[in-house]
Amino acid sequence: MNLLIPGFESPKRIELMLSLTKINSENLINALMLHYTVTYLESAPW
């Protein structure tokens, strides 16, 4: 079973996953990319 772990995926893997969908909203793509590629500690407000 393959899982996507928020904050620990490579941008290439997310791009490949998105290429299999009909998602074309730049805002949604950017949000997914940020969620899955930026680690929690890097995006934490403190």
PDB file of N, CA and C in Angstrom:
ATOM      1  N   MET A   1       0.845  -1.165   0.000  1.00  0.00           N
ATOM      2  CA  MET A   1       0.000   0.000   0.000  1.00  0.00           C
ATOM      3  C   MET A   1       0.896   1.236   0.000  1.00  0.00           C
ATOM      4  N   ASN A   2       0.596   2.172  -0.889  1.00  0.00           N
ATOM      5  CA  ASN A   2       1.342   3.417  -0.965  1.00  0.00           C
ATOM      6  C   ASN A   2       0.551   4.530  -0.296  1.00  0.00           C
ATOM      7  N   LEU A   3       1.229   5.288   0.528  1.00  0.00           N
ATOM      8  CA  LEU A   3       0.597   6.393   1.220  1.00  0.00           C
ATOM      9  C   LEU A   3       1.334   7.678   0.898  1.00  0.00           C
ATOM     10  N   LEU A   4       0.616   8.779   0.879  1.00  0.00           N
ATOM     11  CA  LEU A   4       1.230  10.092   0.758  1.00  0.00           C
ATOM     12  C   LEU A   4       1.343  10.661   2.160  1.00  0.00           C
ATOM     13  N   ILE A   5       2.547  11.006   2.556  1.00  0.00           N
ATOM     14  CA  ILE A   5       2.779  11.526   3.891  1.00  0.00           C
ATOM     15  C   ILE A   5       2.964  13.039   3.790  1.00  0.00           C
ATOM     16  N   PRO A   6       2.053  13.801   4.390  1.00  0.00           N
ATOM     17  CA  PRO A   6       2.160  15.259   4.312  1.00  0.00           C
ATOM     18  C   PRO A   6       3.507  15.757   4.817  1.00  0.00           C
ATOM     19  N   GLY A   7       4.141  16.593   4.000  1.00  0.00           N
ATOM     20  CA  GLY A   7       5.412  17.184   4.379  1.00  0.00           C
ATOM     21  C   GLY A   7       6.638  16.391   3.987  1.00  0.00           C
ATOM     22  N   PHE A   8       6.467  15.195   3.466  1.00  0.00           N
ATOM     23  CA  PHE A   8       7.627  14.348   3.192  1.00  0.00           C
ATOM     24  C   PHE A   8       7.683  13.783   1.779  1.00  0.00           C
ATOM     25  N   GLU A   9       6.849  14.288   0.876  1.00  0.00           N
ATOM     26  CA  GLU A   9       6.840  13.778  -0.494  1.00  0.00           C
ATOM     27  C   GLU A   9       7.670  14.674  -1.404  1.00  0.00           C
ATOM     28  N   SER A  10       8.208  14.087  -2.459  1.00  0.00           N
ATOM     29  CA  SER A  10       8.974  14.875  -3.422  1.00  0.00           C
ATOM     30  C   SER A  10       8.004  15.580  -4.372  1.00  0.00           C
ATOM     31  N   PRO A  11       8.378  16.766  -4.840  1.00  0.00           N
ATOM     32  CA  PRO A  11       7.515  17.472  -5.793  1.00  0.00           C
ATOM     33  C   PRO A  11       7.239  16.637  -7.045  1.00  0.00           C
ATOM     34  N   LYS A  12       8.218  15.860  -7.476  1.00  0.00           N
ATOM     35  CA  LYS A  12       8.046  15.027  -8.670  1.00  0.00           C
ATOM     36  C   LYS A  12       6.922  14.008  -8.462  1.00  0.00           C
ATOM     37  N   ARG A  13       6.868  13.410  -7.288  1.00  0.00           N
ATOM     38  CA  ARG A  13       5.831  12.413  -7.008  1.00  0.00           C
ATOM     39  C   ARG A  13       4.450  13.050  -7.014  1.00  0.00           C
ATOM     40  N   ILE A  14       4.337  14.257  -6.468  1.00  0.00           N
ATOM     41  CA  ILE A  14       3.055  14.955  -6.454  1.00  0.00           C
ATOM     42  C   ILE A  14       2.658  15.349  -7.876  1.00  0.00           C
ATOM     43  N   GLU A  15       3.613  15.800  -8.671  1.00  0.00           N
ATOM     44  CA  GLU A  15       3.337  16.134 -10.070  1.00  0.00           C
ATOM     45  C   GLU A  15       2.836  14.909 -10.836  1.00  0.00           C
ATOM     46  N   LEU A  16       3.459  13.767 -10.601  1.00  0.00           N
ATOM     47  CA  LEU A  16       3.016  12.534 -11.266  1.00  0.00           C
ATOM     48  C   LEU A  16       1.610  12.149 -10.838  1.00  0.00           C
ATOM     49  N   MET A  17       1.329  12.284  -9.555  1.00  0.00           N
ATOM     50  CA  MET A  17      -0.005  11.962  -9.058  1.00  0.00           C
ATOM     51  C   MET A  17      -1.046  12.896  -9.686  1.00  0.00           C
ATOM     52  N   LEU A  18      -0.730  14.186  -9.748  1.00  0.00           N
ATOM     53  CA  LEU A  18      -1.666  15.153 -10.306  1.00  0.00           C
ATOM     54  C   LEU A  18      -1.870  14.955 -11.806  1.00  0.00           C
ATOM     55  N   SER A  19      -0.865  14.421 -12.486  1.00  0.00           N
ATOM     56  CA  SER A  19      -1.000  14.192 -13.923  1.00  0.00           C
ATOM     57  C   SER A  19      -2.040  13.110 -14.227  1.00  0.00           C
ATOM     58  N   LEU A  20      -2.378  12.310 -13.232  1.00  0.00           N
ATOM     59  CA  LEU A  20      -3.376  11.258 -13.401  1.00  0.00           C
ATOM     60  C   LEU A  20      -4.795  11.732 -13.075  1.00  0.00           C
ATOM     61  N   THR A  21      -4.918  13.003 -12.689  1.00  0.00           N
ATOM     62  CA  THR A  21      -6.223  13.544 -12.326  1.00  0.00           C
ATOM     63  C   THR A  21      -6.635  14.628 -13.313  1.00  0.00           C
ATOM     64  N   LYS A  22      -7.834  15.141 -13.123  1.00  0.00           N
ATOM     65  CA  LYS A  22      -8.324  16.251 -13.949  1.00  0.00           C
ATOM     66  C   LYS A  22      -8.193  17.582 -13.214  1.00  0.00           C
ATOM     67  N   ILE A  23      -7.414  17.603 -12.161  1.00  0.00           N
ATOM     68  CA  ILE A  23      -7.228  18.841 -11.398  1.00  0.00           C
ATOM     69  C   ILE A  23      -6.425  19.812 -12.246  1.00  0.00           C
ATOM     70  N   ASN A  24      -6.977  21.020 -12.468  1.00  0.00           N
ATOM     71  CA  ASN A  24      -6.249  22.002 -13.260  1.00  0.00           C
ATOM     72  C   ASN A  24      -6.232  23.382 -12.611  1.00  0.00           C
ATOM     73  N   SER A  25      -6.792  23.519 -11.420  1.00  0.00           N
ATOM     74  CA  SER A  25      -6.784  24.778 -10.689  1.00  0.00           C
ATOM     75  C   SER A  25      -5.381  25.017 -10.111  1.00  0.00           C
ATOM     76  N   GLU A  26      -4.781  26.131 -10.502  1.00  0.00           N
ATOM     77  CA  GLU A  26      -3.433  26.446 -10.007  1.00  0.00           C
ATOM     78  C   GLU A  26      -3.424  26.594  -8.485  1.00  0.00           C
ATOM     79  N   ASN A  27      -4.491  27.184  -7.932  1.00  0.00           N
ATOM     80  CA  ASN A  27      -4.561  27.351  -6.477  1.00  0.00           C
ATOM     81  C   ASN A  27      -4.603  26.006  -5.766  1.00  0.00           C
ATOM     82  N   LEU A  28      -5.376  25.086  -6.285  1.00  0.00           N
ATOM     83  CA  LEU A  28      -5.478  23.765  -5.679  1.00  0.00           C
ATOM     84  C   LEU A  28      -4.168  22.994  -5.830  1.00  0.00           C
ATOM     85  N   ILE A  29      -3.554  23.073  -6.987  1.00  0.00           N
ATOM     86  CA  ILE A  29      -2.268  22.402  -7.217  1.00  0.00           C
ATOM     87  C   ILE A  29      -1.208  22.948  -6.273  1.00  0.00           C
ATOM     88  N   ASN A  30      -1.164  24.267  -6.125  1.00  0.00           N
ATOM     89  CA  ASN A  30      -0.186  24.877  -5.216  1.00  0.00           C
ATOM     90  C   ASN A  30      -0.435  24.469  -3.772  1.00  0.00           C
ATOM     91  N   ALA A  31      -1.708  24.409  -3.378  1.00  0.00           N
ATOM     92  CA  ALA A  31      -2.040  24.005  -2.011  1.00  0.00           C
ATOM     93  C   ALA A  31      -1.638  22.553  -1.753  1.00  0.00           C
ATOM     94  N   LEU A  32      -1.912  21.672  -2.700  1.00  0.00           N
ATOM     95  CA  LEU A  32      -1.520  20.268  -2.548  1.00  0.00           C
ATOM     96  C   LEU A  32      -0.002  20.126  -2.511  1.00  0.00           C
ATOM     97  N   MET A  33       0.675  20.863  -3.379  1.00  0.00           N
ATOM     98  CA  MET A  33       2.134  20.808  -3.415  1.00  0.00           C
ATOM     99  C   MET A  33       2.713  21.291  -2.081  1.00  0.00           C
ATOM    100  N   LEU A  34       2.189  22.379  -1.563  1.00  0.00           N
ATOM    101  CA  LEU A  34       2.653  22.898  -0.281  1.00  0.00           C
ATOM    102  C   LEU A  34       2.380  21.907   0.838  1.00  0.00           C
ATOM    103  N   HIS A  35       1.194  21.331   0.845  1.00  0.00           N
ATOM    104  CA  HIS A  35       0.811  20.390   1.898  1.00  0.00           C
ATOM    105  C   HIS A  35       1.690  19.140   1.904  1.00  0.00           C
ATOM    106  N   TYR A  36       1.984  18.611   0.738  1.00  0.00           N
ATOM    107  CA  TYR A  36       2.715  17.345   0.676  1.00  0.00           C
ATOM    108  C   TYR A  36       4.227  17.476   0.574  1.00  0.00           C
ATOM    109  N   THR A  37       4.752  18.665   0.287  1.00  0.00           N
ATOM    110  CA  THR A  37       6.198  18.778   0.107  1.00  0.00           C
ATOM    111  C   THR A  37       6.901  19.584   1.189  1.00  0.00           C
ATOM    112  N   VAL A  38       6.201  20.449   1.899  1.00  0.00           N
ATOM    113  CA  VAL A  38       6.833  21.273   2.930  1.00  0.00           C
ATOM    114  C   VAL A  38       6.620  20.597   4.279  1.00  0.00           C
ATOM    115  N   THR A  39       7.693  20.377   5.004  1.00  0.00           N
ATOM    116  CA  THR A  39       7.563  19.692   6.295  1.00  0.00           C
ATOM    117  C   THR A  39       6.841  20.569   7.300  1.00  0.00           C
ATOM    118  N   TYR A  40       6.242  19.939   8.275  1.00  0.00           N
ATOM    119  CA  TYR A  40       5.453  20.638   9.281  1.00  0.00           C
ATOM    120  C   TYR A  40       6.270  21.692   9.999  1.00  0.00           C
ATOM    121  N   LEU A  41       7.482  21.378  10.378  1.00  0.00           N
ATOM    122  CA  LEU A  41       8.288  22.332  11.135  1.00  0.00           C
ATOM    123  C   LEU A  41       8.656  23.548  10.302  1.00  0.00           C
ATOM    124  N   GLU A  42       8.823  23.395   9.012  1.00  0.00           N
ATOM    125  CA  GLU A  42       9.151  24.533   8.149  1.00  0.00           C
ATOM    126  C   GLU A  42       7.970  25.477   7.987  1.00  0.00           C
ATOM    127  N   SER A  43       6.760  24.944   8.049  1.00  0.00           N
ATOM    128  CA  SER A  43       5.578  25.779   7.830  1.00  0.00           C
ATOM    129  C   SER A  43       4.904  26.208   9.131  1.00  0.00           C
ATOM    130  N   ALA A  44       5.430  25.788  10.269  1.00  0.00           N
ATOM    131  CA  ALA A  44       4.834  26.155  11.548  1.00  0.00           C
ATOM    132  C   ALA A  44       4.985  27.654  11.800  1.00  0.00           C
ATOM    133  N   PRO A  45       3.967  28.284  12.390  1.00  0.00           N
ATOM    134  CA  PRO A  45       4.005  29.732  12.603  1.00  0.00           C
ATOM    135  C   PRO A  45       4.950  30.181  13.726  1.00  0.00           C
ATOM    136  N   TRP A  46       5.458  29.287  14.513  1.00  0.00           N
ATOM    137  CA  TRP A  46       6.343  29.706  15.613  1.00  0.00           C
ATOM    138  C   TRP A  46       7.780  29.514  15.307  1.00  0.00           C
TER     139      TRP A  46
END
